[in-house]
Amino acid sequence: MKTLLSCLLVTLTLLAVSPARAQTPLEEMSISELEAQATELHPAALYVLAARLLANGQGQAAANWMYAGQIRYRFLIEVDDDRDERVLFGALSEQVGRPVNEYIAGNVDEWLASIDWALEWDASNPNGTTSKSNHPEALAQVRSGLERLRAQIEEQRELIPKQRAANGLENR
């Protein structure tokens, strides 16, 4: 995982940080710097942030940022259907999203809280990568997808821990 994350960080440095926006390469930015600049960074940087938080034992914060990154990345792809972006999003969803989801689904209340946090953060913060005002329909579509996931989790609240236990996964 560390090797893959290192490779992703190098790639993301080229994709996520425009010279006009940042003076520090992404791989050298601290967690607090990534959080402070999150509204201006490419959505992939939010996955990097999530991976770092998860590695530091901050699973709830990791899930918050991963879902915020997911909203922003899906919105970017919806507006500008770029094959390279889709490939990178898929890789990040697998390498970062899967372990974050495995962790956060161990507590349904925390899972729902992470989705709520991400939706609120996205709604109340500017998006320096993709214009919300120029693409309100695309943004609404992406956000409604996460809202549907949230509703599905809520509906299956009692079943999720049982399924996890049956699959040998931890419930917290």
C-alpha atoms as a PDB file:
ATOM      1  CA  MET A   1       0.000   0.000   0.000  1.00  0.00           C
ATOM      2  CA  LYS A   2       2.820   2.421   0.827  1.00  0.00           C
ATOM      3  CA  THR A   3       4.448   1.926  -2.575  1.00  0.00           C
ATOM      4  CA  LEU A   4       1.155   2.427  -4.373  1.00  0.00           C
ATOM      5  CA  LEU A   5       0.374   5.487  -2.276  1.00  0.00           C
ATOM      6  CA  SER A   6       3.805   6.917  -3.072  1.00  0.00           C
ATOM      7  CA  CYS A   7       3.232   6.377  -6.788  1.00  0.00           C
ATOM      8  CA  LEU A   8      -0.173   7.998  -6.534  1.00  0.00           C
ATOM      9  CA  LEU A   9       1.291  10.955  -4.670  1.00  0.00           C
ATOM     10  CA  VAL A  10       3.806  11.596  -7.439  1.00  0.00           C
ATOM     11  CA  THR A  11       1.065  11.347 -10.060  1.00  0.00           C
ATOM     12  CA  LEU A  12      -1.249  13.535  -8.047  1.00  0.00           C
ATOM     13  CA  THR A  13       1.404  16.183  -7.677  1.00  0.00           C
ATOM     14  CA  LEU A  14       1.185  16.693 -11.407  1.00  0.00           C
ATOM     15  CA  LEU A  15      -2.606  16.509 -11.519  1.00  0.00           C
ATOM     16  CA  ALA A  16      -3.743  18.082  -8.280  1.00  0.00           C
ATOM     17  CA  VAL A  17      -1.608  21.099  -7.683  1.00  0.00           C
ATOM     18  CA  SER A  18      -1.491  23.869 -10.194  1.00  0.00           C
ATOM     19  CA  PRO A  19       1.594  26.076  -9.905  1.00  0.00           C
ATOM     20  CA  ALA A  20      -0.599  29.128  -9.447  1.00  0.00           C
ATOM     21  CA  ARG A  21      -2.449  27.594  -6.499  1.00  0.00           C
ATOM     22  CA  ALA A  22       0.229  25.931  -4.393  1.00  0.00           C
ATOM     23  CA  GLN A  23       3.811  26.509  -3.526  1.00  0.00           C
ATOM     24  CA  THR A  24       4.308  23.119  -1.869  1.00  0.00           C
ATOM     25  CA  PRO A  25       4.128  19.856  -3.842  1.00  0.00           C
ATOM     26  CA  LEU A  26       1.248  17.645  -2.724  1.00  0.00           C
ATOM     27  CA  GLU A  27       3.468  14.910  -1.300  1.00  0.00           C
ATOM     28  CA  GLU A  28       5.129  17.469   0.975  1.00  0.00           C
ATOM     29  CA  MET A  29       1.901  19.015   2.251  1.00  0.00           C
ATOM     30  CA  SER A  30       0.870  18.174   5.798  1.00  0.00           C
ATOM     31  CA  ILE A  31      -2.581  16.946   6.687  1.00  0.00           C
ATOM     32  CA  SER A  32      -3.480  20.387   7.998  1.00  0.00           C
ATOM     33  CA  GLU A  33      -2.224  22.050   4.798  1.00  0.00           C
ATOM     34  CA  LEU A  34      -4.291  19.665   2.675  1.00  0.00           C
ATOM     35  CA  GLU A  35      -7.357  20.395   4.786  1.00  0.00           C
ATOM     36  CA  ALA A  36      -6.784  24.146   4.590  1.00  0.00           C
ATOM     37  CA  GLN A  37      -6.430  24.071   0.793  1.00  0.00           C
ATOM     38  CA  ALA A  38      -9.052  21.375   0.119  1.00  0.00           C
ATOM     39  CA  THR A  39     -11.462  23.712  -1.662  1.00  0.00           C
ATOM     40  CA  GLU A  40      -8.831  24.633  -4.255  1.00  0.00           C
ATOM     41  CA  LEU A  41      -7.158  21.263  -4.799  1.00  0.00           C
ATOM     42  CA  HIS A  42      -8.047  18.645  -7.371  1.00  0.00           C
ATOM     43  CA  PRO A  43     -10.473  16.107  -5.849  1.00  0.00           C
ATOM     44  CA  ALA A  44      -7.781  13.426  -5.967  1.00  0.00           C
ATOM     45  CA  ALA A  45      -5.940  15.349  -3.253  1.00  0.00           C
ATOM     46  CA  LEU A  46      -8.879  14.689  -0.925  1.00  0.00           C
ATOM     47  CA  TYR A  47      -8.311  10.965  -1.429  1.00  0.00           C
ATOM     48  CA  VAL A  48      -4.655  11.459  -0.549  1.00  0.00           C
ATOM     49  CA  LEU A  49      -5.778  13.295   2.572  1.00  0.00           C
ATOM     50  CA  ALA A  50      -8.167  10.446   3.424  1.00  0.00           C
ATOM     51  CA  ALA A  51      -5.422   7.853   2.970  1.00  0.00           C
ATOM     52  CA  ARG A  52      -3.083   9.756   5.273  1.00  0.00           C
ATOM     53  CA  LEU A  53      -5.765  10.151   7.926  1.00  0.00           C
ATOM     54  CA  LEU A  54      -6.638   6.454   7.792  1.00  0.00           C
ATOM     55  CA  ALA A  55      -2.945   5.533   8.089  1.00  0.00           C
ATOM     56  CA  ASN A  56      -2.778   7.787  11.167  1.00  0.00           C
ATOM     57  CA  GLY A  57      -5.683   5.965  12.801  1.00  0.00           C
ATOM     58  CA  GLN A  58      -8.211   8.740  12.119  1.00  0.00           C
ATOM     59  CA  GLY A  59     -10.815   6.642  10.338  1.00  0.00           C
ATOM     60  CA  GLN A  60     -13.781   8.955  10.862  1.00  0.00           C
ATOM     61  CA  ALA A  61     -11.904  11.958   9.450  1.00  0.00           C
ATOM     62  CA  ALA A  62     -10.631   9.778   6.609  1.00  0.00           C
ATOM     63  CA  ALA A  63     -14.191   8.840   5.676  1.00  0.00           C
ATOM     64  CA  ASN A  64     -15.325  12.456   5.881  1.00  0.00           C
ATOM     65  CA  TRP A  65     -12.678  13.558   3.385  1.00  0.00           C
ATOM     66  CA  MET A  66     -13.020  10.500   1.166  1.00  0.00           C
ATOM     67  CA  TYR A  67     -16.735  11.172   0.705  1.00  0.00           C
ATOM     68  CA  ALA A  68     -16.053  14.871   0.096  1.00  0.00           C
ATOM     69  CA  GLY A  69     -13.482  13.811  -2.506  1.00  0.00           C
ATOM     70  CA  GLN A  70     -15.988  11.418  -4.031  1.00  0.00           C
ATOM     71  CA  ILE A  71     -18.577  14.189  -4.439  1.00  0.00           C
ATOM     72  CA  ARG A  72     -16.030  16.524  -5.998  1.00  0.00           C
ATOM     73  CA  TYR A  73     -14.499  13.857  -8.244  1.00  0.00           C
ATOM     74  CA  ARG A  74     -17.842  12.541  -9.513  1.00  0.00           C
ATOM     75  CA  PHE A  75     -18.902  16.131 -10.177  1.00  0.00           C
ATOM     76  CA  LEU A  76     -15.696  16.816 -12.124  1.00  0.00           C
ATOM     77  CA  ILE A  77     -16.197  13.683 -14.234  1.00  0.00           C
ATOM     78  CA  GLU A  78     -19.878  14.460 -14.791  1.00  0.00           C
ATOM     79  CA  VAL A  79     -18.968  17.911 -16.132  1.00  0.00           C
ATOM     80  CA  ASP A  80     -15.811  16.965 -18.038  1.00  0.00           C
ATOM     81  CA  ASP A  81     -15.910  13.299 -19.049  1.00  0.00           C
ATOM     82  CA  ASP A  82     -12.146  12.760 -19.258  1.00  0.00           C
ATOM     83  CA  ARG A  83     -10.938   9.156 -19.579  1.00  0.00           C
ATOM     84  CA  ASP A  84      -7.766   9.805 -17.565  1.00  0.00           C
ATOM     85  CA  GLU A  85      -9.814  11.279 -14.736  1.00  0.00           C
ATOM     86  CA  ARG A  86     -12.088   8.237 -14.753  1.00  0.00           C
ATOM     87  CA  VAL A  87      -9.086   5.905 -14.561  1.00  0.00           C
ATOM     88  CA  LEU A  88      -7.512   7.808 -11.678  1.00  0.00           C
ATOM     89  CA  PHE A  89     -10.856   8.032  -9.862  1.00  0.00           C
ATOM     90  CA  GLY A  90     -11.294   4.269 -10.238  1.00  0.00           C
ATOM     91  CA  ALA A  91      -7.812   3.600  -8.884  1.00  0.00           C
ATOM     92  CA  LEU A  92      -8.341   5.923  -5.934  1.00  0.00           C
ATOM     93  CA  SER A  93     -11.750   4.416  -5.210  1.00  0.00           C
ATOM     94  CA  GLU A  94     -10.166   0.979  -5.058  1.00  0.00           C
ATOM     95  CA  GLN A  95      -6.943   1.798  -3.224  1.00  0.00           C
ATOM     96  CA  VAL A  96      -8.262   4.437  -0.809  1.00  0.00           C
ATOM     97  CA  GLY A  97     -12.037   4.180  -0.936  1.00  0.00           C
ATOM     98  CA  ARG A  98     -12.239   0.471  -0.239  1.00  0.00           C
ATOM     99  CA  PRO A  99     -10.221   0.460   3.011  1.00  0.00           C
ATOM    100  CA  VAL A 100     -11.908   3.663   4.201  1.00  0.00           C
ATOM    101  CA  ASN A 101     -15.340   2.176   3.514  1.00  0.00           C
ATOM    102  CA  GLU A 102     -14.348  -1.076   5.195  1.00  0.00           C
ATOM    103  CA  TYR A 103     -13.440   0.894   8.295  1.00  0.00           C
ATOM    104  CA  ILE A 104     -16.352   3.337   8.401  1.00  0.00           C
ATOM    105  CA  ALA A 105     -19.040   0.715   7.698  1.00  0.00           C
ATOM    106  CA  GLY A 106     -18.060  -0.891  11.010  1.00  0.00           C
ATOM    107  CA  ASN A 107     -20.232   1.718  12.725  1.00  0.00           C
ATOM    108  CA  VAL A 108     -23.390   2.707  10.881  1.00  0.00           C
ATOM    109  CA  ASP A 109     -23.861   5.927  12.865  1.00  0.00           C
ATOM    110  CA  GLU A 110     -20.319   7.054  12.021  1.00  0.00           C
ATOM    111  CA  TRP A 111     -20.853   6.064   8.392  1.00  0.00           C
ATOM    112  CA  LEU A 112     -23.978   8.179   8.128  1.00  0.00           C
ATOM    113  CA  ALA A 113     -22.237  11.040   9.945  1.00  0.00           C
ATOM    114  CA  SER A 114     -19.379  10.955   7.410  1.00  0.00           C
ATOM    115  CA  ILE A 115     -21.763  11.181   4.497  1.00  0.00           C
ATOM    116  CA  ASP A 116     -23.625  14.023   6.206  1.00  0.00           C
ATOM    117  CA  TRP A 117     -20.322  15.820   6.896  1.00  0.00           C
ATOM    118  CA  ALA A 118     -19.210  15.496   3.269  1.00  0.00           C
ATOM    119  CA  LEU A 119     -22.519  16.741   1.891  1.00  0.00           C
ATOM    120  CA  GLU A 120     -22.475  19.707   4.280  1.00  0.00           C
ATOM    121  CA  TRP A 121     -18.810  20.512   3.609  1.00  0.00           C
ATOM    122  CA  ASP A 122     -19.362  20.417  -0.143  1.00  0.00           C
ATOM    123  CA  ALA A 123     -22.487  22.581   0.084  1.00  0.00           C
ATOM    124  CA  SER A 124     -20.869  25.219   2.268  1.00  0.00           C
ATOM    125  CA  ASN A 125     -17.473  25.458   0.550  1.00  0.00           C
ATOM    126  CA  PRO A 126     -16.416  26.714  -2.873  1.00  0.00           C
ATOM    127  CA  ASN A 127     -15.154  24.299  -5.472  1.00  0.00           C
ATOM    128  CA  GLY A 128     -11.985  25.635  -7.071  1.00  0.00           C
ATOM    129  CA  THR A 129     -11.870  22.837  -9.638  1.00  0.00           C
ATOM    130  CA  THR A 130     -15.399  22.658 -11.037  1.00  0.00           C
ATOM    131  CA  SER A 131     -17.848  25.576 -11.028  1.00  0.00           C
ATOM    132  CA  LYS A 132     -20.953  24.850  -8.996  1.00  0.00           C
ATOM    133  CA  SER A 133     -22.789  27.838 -10.474  1.00  0.00           C
ATOM    134  CA  ASN A 134     -22.074  26.813 -14.071  1.00  0.00           C
ATOM    135  CA  HIS A 135     -23.176  23.183 -13.567  1.00  0.00           C
ATOM    136  CA  PRO A 136     -25.928  23.060 -10.911  1.00  0.00           C
ATOM    137  CA  GLU A 137     -27.769  20.128 -12.515  1.00  0.00           C
ATOM    138  CA  ALA A 138     -24.650  17.953 -12.599  1.00  0.00           C
ATOM    139  CA  LEU A 139     -23.871  18.805  -8.996  1.00  0.00           C
ATOM    140  CA  ALA A 140     -27.425  18.011  -7.897  1.00  0.00           C
ATOM    141  CA  GLN A 141     -27.238  14.667  -9.680  1.00  0.00           C
ATOM    142  CA  VAL A 142     -23.968  13.718  -7.985  1.00  0.00           C
ATOM    143  CA  ARG A 143     -25.159  14.821  -4.561  1.00  0.00           C
ATOM    144  CA  SER A 144     -28.429  12.910  -4.958  1.00  0.00           C
ATOM    145  CA  GLY A 145     -26.441   9.753  -5.636  1.00  0.00           C
ATOM    146  CA  LEU A 146     -24.704  10.053  -2.264  1.00  0.00           C
ATOM    147  CA  GLU A 147     -28.010  10.941  -0.612  1.00  0.00           C
ATOM    148  CA  ARG A 148     -29.508   7.732  -2.057  1.00  0.00           C
ATOM    149  CA  LEU A 149     -26.581   5.733  -0.664  1.00  0.00           C
ATOM    150  CA  ARG A 150     -27.189   7.336   2.725  1.00  0.00           C
ATOM    151  CA  ALA A 151     -30.871   6.369   2.610  1.00  0.00           C
ATOM    152  CA  GLN A 152     -29.964   2.793   1.646  1.00  0.00           C
ATOM    153  CA  ILE A 153     -27.526   2.545   4.579  1.00  0.00           C
ATOM    154  CA  GLU A 154     -30.206   3.872   6.931  1.00  0.00           C
ATOM    155  CA  GLU A 155     -32.720   1.338   5.603  1.00  0.00           C
ATOM    156  CA  GLN A 156     -30.239  -1.508   6.148  1.00  0.00           C
ATOM    157  CA  ARG A 157     -29.001  -0.234   9.516  1.00  0.00           C
ATOM    158  CA  GLU A 158     -29.826  -3.484  11.360  1.00  0.00           C
ATOM    159  CA  LEU A 159     -28.631  -5.780   8.578  1.00  0.00           C
ATOM    160  CA  ILE A 160     -25.208  -4.206   7.931  1.00  0.00           C
ATOM    161  CA  PRO A 161     -23.545  -5.310  11.213  1.00  0.00           C
ATOM    162  CA  LYS A 162     -24.889  -8.845  10.748  1.00  0.00           C
ATOM    163  CA  GLN A 163     -23.541  -9.027   7.185  1.00  0.00           C
ATOM    164  CA  ARG A 164     -20.170  -7.685   8.327  1.00  0.00           C
ATOM    165  CA  ALA A 165     -19.950 -10.234  11.151  1.00  0.00           C
ATOM    166  CA  ALA A 166     -20.820 -13.033   8.730  1.00  0.00           C
ATOM    167  CA  ASN A 167     -17.992 -11.833   6.456  1.00  0.00           C
ATOM    168  CA  GLY A 168     -15.482 -11.649   9.316  1.00  0.00           C
ATOM    169  CA  LEU A 169     -15.391  -7.870   9.393  1.00  0.00           C
ATOM    170  CA  GLU A 170     -15.221  -5.825  12.574  1.00  0.00           C
ATOM    171  CA  ASN A 171     -18.192  -3.931  13.945  1.00  0.00           C
ATOM    172  CA  ARG A 172     -17.319  -1.058  16.243  1.00  0.00           C
END
